[in-house]
Amino acid sequence: MEQFDRRGLIGILGASAAGLVAVSSSASAKSRDKDEKGTEEGELKPITAYELPDLPYPADALEPHLDAETLAIHHGKHHASYVKGLNDALEKMAVAQKSGNFDSIQAISRAIAFHGAGHELHTLYFANLGPHSEPPKGVLAEALTLQFGSLETMKAHLAAATNKVAGSGWGMLAYEPLGSRLLVLQIEKHENQIIPGAVPLLVIDAWEHAYYLKYQNKRADYVSAVMNVIDWARVEERFERALA
């Protein structure tokens, strides 16, 4: 895979970018300048519990590729459970910190990583889908062509990686700033096999709860269907933020 270092972009391709845990915050980077409460840039915001974001479209908007019942259960039940699990784990960590008793630190840390990554990845997954899917343009299209040869080759690579995830997990297109390149990654569960610093641009949920009602055990059919509802404009926005 060629390194993406074309002239005119060299100065920004090596820029530092947020890691996986910053997926949702990077999506609202512009709000950091000053939020609705008047917090100035550089000031710490109050720490609040995580909340389940609304779906960015009606549950039936991705029909016939992704059915409304699966999408509603996936978001309202499964995604919600990761939000609750993350908040519960953080509460346990706060108790441990206050008491000074860290006997359960391993289990609590694992729960935070599992539920936290699950929440972040689901937030990105629902956000990178949409009823209107047009091929990427601009710098993302240029990078995909340079590194993969074509959009279709990248999609085939991503589909193969997602289909071959061992057990439950995710397929991901990410930007890795240290090497200034796009990478297709596999993630086991929610948190294993992640490259620190790689910025997620596009993810495909390969857990059975994402597709079993409509596609049963035919994961490849589900992955093929997802390709029809990717909102490439949103993916390109993330790529441009990663380069900035």
Protein backbone atom coordinates (compact mmCIF):
# COMPACT_ATOMS: atom_id res chain seq x y z
CA MET A 1 0.00 0.00 0.00
CA GLU A 2 1.45 3.35 -0.96
CA GLN A 3 1.98 6.02 1.63
CA PHE A 4 -0.34 8.99 1.09
CA ASP A 5 2.15 11.85 0.90
CA ARG A 6 1.28 13.83 -2.23
CA ARG A 7 2.72 17.31 -2.58
CA GLY A 8 0.54 20.00 -1.06
CA LEU A 9 -0.60 17.64 1.71
CA ILE A 10 2.76 16.66 3.18
CA GLY A 11 2.51 19.33 5.83
CA ILE A 12 -0.72 17.96 7.25
CA LEU A 13 -0.53 14.22 6.65
CA GLY A 14 1.78 13.68 9.60
CA ALA A 15 -0.32 15.76 11.98
CA SER A 16 -1.34 14.20 15.24
CA ALA A 17 -4.92 12.99 15.42
CA ALA A 18 -7.24 11.78 18.16
CA GLY A 19 -7.29 8.09 19.05
CA LEU A 20 -10.21 5.67 19.10
CA VAL A 21 -11.61 6.91 22.38
CA ALA A 22 -12.09 10.36 20.83
CA VAL A 23 -14.47 9.29 18.05
CA SER A 24 -17.54 11.02 19.44
CA SER A 25 -15.71 14.12 20.68
CA SER A 26 -13.96 14.62 17.35
CA ALA A 27 -17.36 14.54 15.65
CA SER A 28 -18.21 17.70 17.56
CA ALA A 29 -14.79 19.35 17.47
CA LYS A 30 -16.20 22.72 16.45
CA SER A 31 -18.21 22.87 19.65
CA ARG A 32 -15.01 22.94 21.70
CA ASP A 33 -14.44 26.62 20.97
CA LYS A 34 -17.37 27.59 23.14
CA ASP A 35 -20.29 25.46 24.22
CA GLU A 36 -23.81 26.52 25.03
CA LYS A 37 -22.82 27.13 28.66
CA GLY A 38 -20.12 29.57 27.65
CA THR A 39 -17.10 27.36 28.31
CA GLU A 40 -14.10 28.92 26.64
CA GLU A 41 -11.63 26.93 24.58
CA GLY A 42 -9.03 25.29 26.80
CA GLU A 43 -11.29 25.16 29.88
CA LEU A 44 -12.38 21.84 31.31
CA LYS A 45 -16.01 20.95 30.81
CA PRO A 46 -18.07 19.31 33.55
CA ILE A 47 -17.83 15.53 33.55
CA THR A 48 -21.23 14.01 32.86
CA ALA A 49 -22.60 10.52 32.38
CA TYR A 50 -22.57 9.09 28.87
CA GLU A 51 -25.88 9.23 27.01
CA LEU A 52 -27.31 7.27 24.09
CA PRO A 53 -27.34 9.58 21.04
CA ASP A 54 -30.42 9.63 18.85
CA LEU A 55 -30.37 7.83 15.53
CA PRO A 56 -29.53 10.42 12.84
CA TYR A 57 -32.40 9.13 10.66
CA PRO A 58 -35.70 7.21 11.09
CA ALA A 59 -35.30 3.49 11.80
CA ASP A 60 -36.82 2.60 8.43
CA ALA A 61 -34.63 5.01 6.43
CA LEU A 62 -32.13 2.32 5.39
CA GLU A 63 -34.71 -0.14 4.04
CA PRO A 64 -34.45 -2.50 2.22
CA HIS A 65 -30.74 -2.91 2.96
CA LEU A 66 -31.04 -2.72 6.76
CA ASP A 67 -34.48 -3.41 8.20
CA ALA A 68 -36.19 -1.09 10.67
CA GLU A 69 -36.74 -3.73 13.36
CA THR A 70 -33.07 -4.70 13.50
CA LEU A 71 -31.94 -1.08 13.48
CA ALA A 72 -34.33 -0.15 16.30
CA ILE A 73 -33.24 -3.10 18.46
CA HIS A 74 -29.59 -2.59 17.61
CA HIS A 75 -29.71 1.05 18.67
CA GLY A 76 -32.30 1.04 21.44
CA LYS A 77 -31.23 -2.21 23.13
CA HIS A 78 -27.65 -3.14 22.25
CA HIS A 79 -26.10 0.29 21.93
CA ALA A 80 -27.99 1.43 25.00
CA SER A 81 -26.57 -1.50 26.97
CA TYR A 82 -23.01 -0.39 26.23
CA VAL A 83 -23.80 3.13 27.41
CA LYS A 84 -25.23 1.74 30.66
CA GLY A 85 -22.33 -0.68 31.08
CA LEU A 86 -19.81 2.13 30.62
CA ASN A 87 -21.52 4.39 33.16
CA ASP A 88 -21.81 1.51 35.66
CA ALA A 89 -18.12 0.63 35.27
CA LEU A 90 -17.09 4.26 35.74
CA GLU A 91 -19.18 4.44 38.92
CA LYS A 92 -17.36 1.35 40.24
CA MET A 93 -14.04 2.97 39.38
CA ALA A 94 -15.05 6.12 41.27
CA VAL A 95 -15.89 4.01 44.33
CA ALA A 96 -12.52 2.27 44.10
CA GLN A 97 -10.71 5.59 43.82
CA LYS A 98 -12.57 7.04 46.80
CA SER A 99 -11.99 4.02 49.00
CA GLY A 100 -8.45 3.35 47.84
CA ASN A 101 -9.37 -0.31 47.30
CA PHE A 102 -8.25 -1.36 43.82
CA ASP A 103 -8.65 -5.11 44.24
CA SER A 104 -11.13 -5.19 41.34
CA ILE A 105 -9.16 -2.88 39.08
CA GLN A 106 -8.61 -5.52 36.37
CA ALA A 107 -12.29 -6.34 35.97
CA ILE A 108 -13.33 -2.69 36.12
CA SER A 109 -10.70 -1.63 33.58
CA ARG A 110 -11.81 -4.38 31.21
CA ALA A 111 -15.44 -3.30 31.57
CA ILE A 112 -14.57 0.32 30.81
CA ALA A 113 -12.60 -0.69 27.71
CA PHE A 114 -15.28 -3.10 26.47
CA HIS A 115 -18.33 -0.92 27.03
CA GLY A 116 -16.51 2.32 26.19
CA ALA A 117 -15.28 1.01 22.86
CA GLY A 118 -18.70 -0.51 22.20
CA HIS A 119 -20.37 2.85 22.77
CA GLU A 120 -17.89 4.77 20.63
CA LEU A 121 -17.97 2.28 17.76
CA HIS A 122 -21.76 2.08 17.69
CA THR A 123 -21.97 5.88 17.70
CA LEU A 124 -19.68 5.96 14.67
CA TYR A 125 -21.45 3.04 12.97
CA PHE A 126 -24.89 4.64 13.02
CA ALA A 127 -23.42 8.01 12.03
CA ASN A 128 -21.58 6.66 8.98
CA LEU A 129 -24.77 5.19 7.51
CA GLY A 130 -27.51 7.08 5.69
CA PRO A 131 -30.24 6.73 3.07
CA HIS A 132 -28.28 8.71 0.48
CA SER A 133 -25.00 7.06 -0.49
CA GLU A 134 -22.82 8.70 -3.12
CA PRO A 135 -19.18 7.85 -3.91
CA PRO A 136 -16.58 9.83 -1.95
CA LYS A 137 -15.08 12.92 -3.51
CA GLY A 138 -12.18 15.22 -2.82
CA VAL A 139 -9.18 14.25 -0.72
CA LEU A 140 -10.68 10.96 0.49
CA ALA A 141 -11.37 9.76 -3.05
CA GLU A 142 -7.83 10.77 -3.98
CA ALA A 143 -6.33 8.89 -1.03
CA LEU A 144 -8.40 5.76 -1.67
CA THR A 145 -7.34 5.66 -5.31
CA LEU A 146 -3.68 6.24 -4.46
CA GLN A 147 -3.49 3.60 -1.74
CA PHE A 148 -5.99 0.95 -2.83
CA GLY A 149 -6.17 1.54 -6.56
CA SER A 150 -9.90 2.27 -6.44
CA LEU A 151 -12.87 2.66 -4.13
CA GLU A 152 -14.12 -0.78 -5.18
CA THR A 153 -10.83 -2.42 -4.17
CA MET A 154 -11.00 -0.78 -0.74
CA LYS A 155 -14.62 -1.88 -0.32
CA ALA A 156 -13.68 -5.44 -1.25
CA HIS A 157 -10.81 -5.34 1.26
CA LEU A 158 -13.05 -3.92 4.00
CA ALA A 159 -15.80 -6.46 3.26
CA ALA A 160 -13.32 -9.36 3.40
CA ALA A 161 -11.85 -8.12 6.68
CA THR A 162 -15.32 -7.68 8.21
CA ASN A 163 -16.52 -11.08 7.02
CA LYS A 164 -13.44 -12.82 8.46
CA VAL A 165 -13.54 -11.26 11.92
CA ALA A 166 -13.13 -14.15 14.36
CA GLY A 167 -16.35 -14.40 16.34
CA SER A 168 -17.84 -10.97 17.02
CA GLY A 169 -16.22 -7.69 16.12
CA TRP A 170 -15.89 -4.96 13.53
CA GLY A 171 -14.32 -4.01 10.22
CA MET A 172 -12.77 -0.55 10.12
CA LEU A 173 -11.28 1.94 7.70
CA ALA A 174 -8.90 4.14 9.68
CA TYR A 175 -6.31 6.85 9.15
CA GLU A 176 -2.99 6.17 10.86
CA PRO A 177 -1.14 9.50 11.28
CA LEU A 178 2.25 8.07 12.27
CA GLY A 179 2.60 6.44 8.85
CA SER A 180 0.29 8.90 7.06
CA ARG A 181 -1.79 6.11 5.56
CA LEU A 182 -5.25 4.61 5.41
CA LEU A 183 -5.61 1.15 6.93
CA VAL A 184 -8.30 -1.52 6.87
CA LEU A 185 -8.43 -3.13 10.32
CA GLN A 186 -10.25 -5.97 12.04
CA ILE A 187 -11.42 -5.52 15.61
CA GLU A 188 -12.30 -8.46 17.84
CA LYS A 189 -15.12 -7.75 20.31
CA HIS A 190 -14.96 -3.96 20.59
CA GLU A 191 -11.51 -3.29 21.93
CA ASN A 192 -9.01 -5.92 20.73
CA GLN A 193 -6.60 -5.50 17.80
CA ILE A 194 -6.82 -1.71 17.77
CA ILE A 195 -3.79 0.37 16.72
CA PRO A 196 -3.32 3.23 19.21
CA GLY A 197 -3.56 6.57 17.44
CA ALA A 198 -5.40 5.22 14.39
CA VAL A 199 -8.43 7.42 13.73
CA PRO A 200 -11.59 5.49 12.79
CA LEU A 201 -13.23 6.83 9.64
CA LEU A 202 -15.75 4.08 8.85
CA VAL A 203 -16.82 0.97 10.76
CA ILE A 204 -19.05 -2.02 10.01
CA ASP A 205 -20.57 -3.92 12.91
CA ALA A 206 -19.94 -7.67 12.54
CA TRP A 207 -21.75 -8.76 15.70
CA GLU A 208 -24.72 -10.98 14.90
CA HIS A 209 -27.14 -8.60 16.59
CA ALA A 210 -26.47 -6.18 13.72
CA TYR A 211 -27.88 -8.47 11.05
CA TYR A 212 -29.35 -11.76 12.28
CA LEU A 213 -33.06 -10.91 12.06
CA LYS A 214 -32.82 -10.18 8.34
CA TYR A 215 -29.72 -12.03 7.18
CA GLN A 216 -29.47 -14.89 9.72
CA ASN A 217 -25.93 -16.32 9.49
CA LYS A 218 -25.21 -14.72 6.10
CA ARG A 219 -22.78 -12.09 7.28
CA ALA A 220 -21.42 -11.51 3.78
CA ASP A 221 -24.89 -10.58 2.49
CA TYR A 222 -25.29 -8.09 5.34
CA VAL A 223 -21.86 -6.54 4.71
CA SER A 224 -22.69 -6.23 1.01
CA ALA A 225 -25.95 -4.48 1.93
CA VAL A 226 -24.20 -2.03 4.26
CA MET A 227 -22.05 -0.85 1.37
CA ASN A 228 -25.23 0.56 -0.20
CA VAL A 229 -25.98 2.89 2.71
CA ILE A 230 -22.58 4.34 3.62
CA ASP A 231 -22.69 8.11 3.94
CA TRP A 232 -19.35 8.85 2.28
CA ALA A 233 -19.70 12.57 2.88
CA ARG A 234 -19.55 11.93 6.62
CA VAL A 235 -16.56 9.63 6.16
CA GLU A 236 -14.74 12.31 4.19
CA GLU A 237 -15.47 14.88 6.91
CA ARG A 238 -13.73 12.62 9.45
CA PHE A 239 -10.80 12.12 7.13
CA GLU A 240 -10.34 15.85 6.65
CA ARG A 241 -10.48 16.38 10.45
CA ALA A 242 -7.88 13.66 10.91
CA LEU A 243 -5.58 15.44 8.46
CA ALA A 244 -6.04 18.85 10.09
